[in-house]
Amino acid sequence: MSVPLFRFLRAAPLAWHWRRIASVTVLYLILLGGCRFAGEFRKGQKGLPVEDSSCVVWACDPEGLADGVTMAVNRAAKGYHQETQLSITVVSGRRTLRHQAKLMAGMTRAQLEGMYCRNGYPSYITRIVSHMSEKGPPSADGVYDILRTRKEGYISAHLSGAAVDIRSRGANVPVLKRVLSEHGFAVLDERSLGIACIHATWRAAPRLIVWE
């Protein structure tokens, strides 16, 4: 004969209920502690978990980075922390074309040429520099129009989420550059251009062309 659930619960010893509650609580604390020990996780690009390592401070949104880039940054940061006891601060990740245009509109000619003319002199830099010479600094909208109608496709690995910028101020830059290189990043020290960042492009990420 079946026994109603409420009668069964009333008949069960009180100690049995407390043991059940204690077991569930202990299991929850173990799981919670394990997550915090390993690094907290949240949803990132394409709904995949993204690790927030204690060795990395994300001063920008990691959403949109190419698959594997965030985890590669975390691995490099842990290696850097083991050697220096310092964390790294990521200040820039994936950019839209409009965001890229806004940043380029605020750059000097030397910065534009130093960053975007390492493999030739693209026509979009020629147009921006010409605007500087003839009319003064271009607006962000003006640079956006130049980039959107450019002849060459590639501008920056930031547009495809394949690169991050890491703050150089307060960092052990020689160690940081070496560790990033050891973990699969191509490194550009932008301090020589007056920008306090280390630009790191993950070599394994595909280079995509972004037109909008």
Protein backbone atom coordinates (compact mmCIF):
# COMPACT_ATOMS: atom_id res chain seq x y z
CA MET A 1 0.00 0.00 0.00
CA SER A 2 1.38 3.41 -0.94
CA VAL A 3 2.08 5.94 1.77
CA PRO A 4 1.43 9.66 1.14
CA LEU A 5 4.66 11.65 0.84
CA PHE A 6 3.80 14.06 3.65
CA ARG A 7 3.15 11.17 6.05
CA PHE A 8 6.50 9.60 5.11
CA LEU A 9 8.36 12.84 5.73
CA ARG A 10 6.64 13.35 9.07
CA ALA A 11 7.56 9.83 10.09
CA ALA A 12 11.21 10.09 9.06
CA PRO A 13 13.64 10.87 11.87
CA LEU A 14 14.68 14.51 12.17
CA ALA A 15 18.36 13.53 12.11
CA TRP A 16 17.91 11.96 8.67
CA HIS A 17 16.70 15.29 7.25
CA TRP A 18 19.64 17.18 8.70
CA ARG A 19 22.10 14.64 7.28
CA ARG A 20 20.59 15.17 3.82
CA ILE A 21 20.81 18.95 4.13
CA ALA A 22 24.39 18.75 5.39
CA SER A 23 25.42 16.46 2.52
CA VAL A 24 23.99 18.79 -0.11
CA THR A 25 25.60 21.83 1.54
CA VAL A 26 29.04 20.19 1.67
CA LEU A 27 28.80 19.14 -1.97
CA TYR A 28 27.86 22.69 -3.00
CA LEU A 29 30.79 24.19 -1.08
CA ILE A 30 33.22 21.70 -2.62
CA LEU A 31 32.03 22.52 -6.13
CA LEU A 32 32.07 26.26 -5.45
CA GLY A 33 35.55 26.13 -3.98
CA GLY A 34 36.80 24.07 -6.89
CA CYS A 35 35.50 26.62 -9.38
CA ARG A 36 37.16 29.46 -7.53
CA PHE A 37 40.41 27.55 -7.25
CA ALA A 38 40.50 26.72 -10.94
CA GLY A 39 39.22 30.12 -12.06
CA GLU A 40 35.65 31.33 -12.36
CA PHE A 41 33.91 30.67 -15.65
CA ARG A 42 31.22 32.51 -17.56
CA LYS A 43 29.85 32.41 -21.06
CA GLY A 44 32.04 33.91 -23.75
CA GLN A 45 32.06 33.87 -27.52
CA LYS A 46 29.62 31.37 -29.05
CA GLY A 47 28.32 30.53 -25.57
CA LEU A 48 31.57 28.79 -24.58
CA PRO A 49 32.99 29.25 -21.06
CA VAL A 50 35.69 31.89 -20.69
CA GLU A 51 38.12 31.64 -17.82
CA ASP A 52 38.65 34.72 -15.66
CA SER A 53 42.13 33.93 -14.39
CA SER A 54 43.35 35.70 -11.26
CA CYS A 55 46.50 36.46 -13.26
CA VAL A 56 44.56 38.59 -15.78
CA VAL A 57 42.66 41.84 -15.33
CA TRP A 58 40.24 42.42 -18.20
CA ALA A 59 39.87 46.18 -18.59
CA CYS A 60 37.96 45.49 -21.81
CA ASP A 61 35.25 43.03 -22.79
CA PRO A 62 36.73 39.66 -23.91
CA GLU A 63 33.56 38.91 -25.87
CA GLY A 64 34.19 38.41 -29.57
CA LEU A 65 37.79 37.27 -29.33
CA ALA A 66 38.65 34.46 -31.74
CA ASP A 67 38.29 30.92 -30.44
CA GLY A 68 41.18 30.01 -28.17
CA VAL A 69 42.57 33.53 -27.74
CA THR A 70 41.20 34.09 -24.24
CA MET A 71 42.55 30.78 -22.97
CA ALA A 72 45.92 31.47 -24.62
CA VAL A 73 46.06 34.84 -22.84
CA ASN A 74 45.30 33.11 -19.53
CA ARG A 75 48.04 30.54 -20.06
CA ALA A 76 50.57 33.23 -20.91
CA ALA A 77 49.46 35.29 -17.91
CA LYS A 78 49.97 32.35 -15.56
CA GLY A 79 53.46 31.79 -16.93
CA TYR A 80 54.22 35.49 -16.53
CA HIS A 81 52.84 35.48 -12.98
CA GLN A 82 55.00 32.50 -12.02
CA GLU A 83 58.11 34.44 -13.00
CA THR A 84 57.20 37.94 -11.81
CA GLN A 85 54.29 37.60 -9.32
CA LEU A 86 52.53 40.20 -11.47
CA SER A 87 49.22 40.06 -13.30
CA ILE A 88 48.61 41.44 -16.77
CA THR A 89 45.95 43.98 -17.74
CA VAL A 90 44.26 43.56 -21.11
CA VAL A 91 43.08 46.98 -22.30
CA SER A 92 41.83 46.17 -25.80
CA GLY A 93 40.44 43.10 -27.54
CA ARG A 94 38.15 42.72 -30.52
CA ARG A 95 37.16 45.96 -32.25
CA THR A 96 34.47 46.94 -34.68
CA LEU A 97 35.54 48.86 -37.76
CA ARG A 98 33.96 52.00 -36.31
CA HIS A 99 35.90 51.61 -33.06
CA GLN A 100 39.08 51.06 -35.07
CA ALA A 101 38.37 54.25 -37.02
CA LYS A 102 37.87 56.24 -33.81
CA LEU A 103 41.24 55.11 -32.48
CA MET A 104 43.03 55.83 -35.76
CA ALA A 105 41.47 59.30 -35.96
CA GLY A 106 43.29 60.22 -32.76
CA MET A 107 46.71 58.98 -33.89
CA THR A 108 49.62 60.97 -35.25
CA ARG A 109 51.10 60.32 -38.67
CA ALA A 110 54.09 58.60 -37.05
CA GLN A 111 51.81 56.29 -35.08
CA LEU A 112 49.70 55.43 -38.13
CA GLU A 113 52.74 54.66 -40.25
CA GLY A 114 54.47 52.75 -37.46
CA MET A 115 51.47 50.51 -36.82
CA TYR A 116 49.89 50.02 -40.22
CA CYS A 117 52.74 50.40 -42.72
CA ARG A 118 55.04 47.61 -41.60
CA ASN A 119 54.22 45.58 -44.73
CA GLY A 120 53.80 48.33 -47.28
CA TYR A 121 51.98 51.66 -47.39
CA PRO A 122 48.23 50.98 -47.76
CA SER A 123 46.04 53.45 -49.60
CA TYR A 124 43.83 54.08 -46.56
CA ILE A 125 46.84 55.45 -44.67
CA THR A 126 47.70 57.61 -47.68
CA ARG A 127 44.17 59.05 -47.62
CA ILE A 128 44.22 59.68 -43.86
CA VAL A 129 47.65 61.34 -44.02
CA SER A 130 46.55 63.46 -46.99
CA HIS A 131 43.53 64.63 -45.02
CA MET A 132 45.82 65.56 -42.13
CA SER A 133 48.07 67.61 -44.42
CA GLU A 134 45.29 69.37 -46.31
CA LYS A 135 42.45 69.75 -43.80
CA GLY A 136 43.80 68.81 -40.39
CA PRO A 137 42.97 65.76 -38.26
CA PRO A 138 40.07 63.75 -39.70
CA SER A 139 36.97 62.91 -37.70
CA ALA A 140 36.18 59.38 -36.57
CA ASP A 141 33.36 59.28 -39.13
CA GLY A 142 35.74 60.45 -41.83
CA VAL A 143 38.25 57.71 -41.04
CA TYR A 144 35.43 55.17 -40.90
CA ASP A 145 34.38 56.11 -44.44
CA ILE A 146 37.98 55.75 -45.61
CA LEU A 147 38.33 52.31 -44.02
CA ARG A 148 34.95 51.13 -45.25
CA THR A 149 35.81 52.01 -48.87
CA ARG A 150 39.46 50.93 -48.77
CA LYS A 151 41.09 48.89 -51.53
CA GLU A 152 43.21 46.70 -49.27
CA GLY A 153 41.37 44.27 -47.04
CA TYR A 154 43.54 43.76 -43.97
CA ILE A 155 43.94 46.46 -41.31
CA SER A 156 44.38 44.93 -37.86
CA ALA A 157 44.09 41.58 -36.11
CA HIS A 158 41.87 43.32 -33.55
CA LEU A 159 39.06 43.37 -36.12
CA SER A 160 38.92 39.58 -36.25
CA GLY A 161 39.41 39.18 -32.49
CA ALA A 162 42.88 37.69 -32.97
CA ALA A 163 44.79 40.30 -30.96
CA VAL A 164 44.85 41.96 -27.57
CA ASP A 165 46.66 44.99 -26.19
CA ILE A 166 48.30 44.59 -22.78
CA ARG A 167 49.16 47.54 -20.57
CA SER A 168 52.91 48.03 -20.37
CA ARG A 169 52.90 50.46 -17.45
CA GLY A 170 54.00 48.63 -14.32
CA ALA A 171 54.85 45.45 -16.22
CA ASN A 172 58.14 43.61 -16.54
CA VAL A 173 58.10 44.15 -20.29
CA PRO A 174 61.07 41.94 -21.30
CA VAL A 175 59.61 38.96 -19.44
CA LEU A 176 56.10 39.72 -20.68
CA LYS A 177 57.19 39.84 -24.32
CA ARG A 178 59.16 36.61 -24.01
CA VAL A 179 56.35 34.72 -22.29
CA LEU A 180 53.78 35.91 -24.82
CA SER A 181 56.02 34.75 -27.65
CA GLU A 182 56.50 31.37 -25.97
CA HIS A 183 52.72 30.96 -25.79
CA GLY A 184 52.11 31.55 -29.48
CA PHE A 185 51.76 35.33 -29.74
CA ALA A 186 53.44 37.67 -32.20
CA VAL A 187 54.44 40.72 -30.15
CA LEU A 188 54.74 44.41 -31.03
CA ASP A 189 56.05 46.83 -28.41
CA GLU A 190 54.05 49.99 -29.08
CA ARG A 191 55.93 52.09 -26.52
CA SER A 192 58.27 53.19 -29.31
CA LEU A 193 55.23 54.89 -30.87
CA GLY A 194 54.21 56.63 -27.65
CA ILE A 195 51.51 54.08 -26.79
CA ALA A 196 51.83 52.31 -23.43
CA CYS A 197 50.80 48.88 -24.72
CA ILE A 198 52.17 45.55 -25.84
CA HIS A 199 50.23 44.38 -28.89
CA ALA A 200 49.91 40.58 -28.96
CA THR A 201 48.48 38.70 -31.95
CA TRP A 202 47.76 35.01 -31.49
CA ARG A 203 49.38 33.25 -34.43
CA ALA A 204 46.90 30.35 -34.48
CA ALA A 205 43.86 32.59 -35.02
CA PRO A 206 42.67 33.16 -38.61
CA ARG A 207 42.96 36.64 -40.10
CA LEU A 208 39.53 37.73 -41.27
CA ILE A 209 38.71 40.74 -43.42
CA VAL A 210 36.15 43.09 -41.87
CA TRP A 211 34.47 45.64 -44.12
CA GLU A 212 31.80 47.07 -41.81
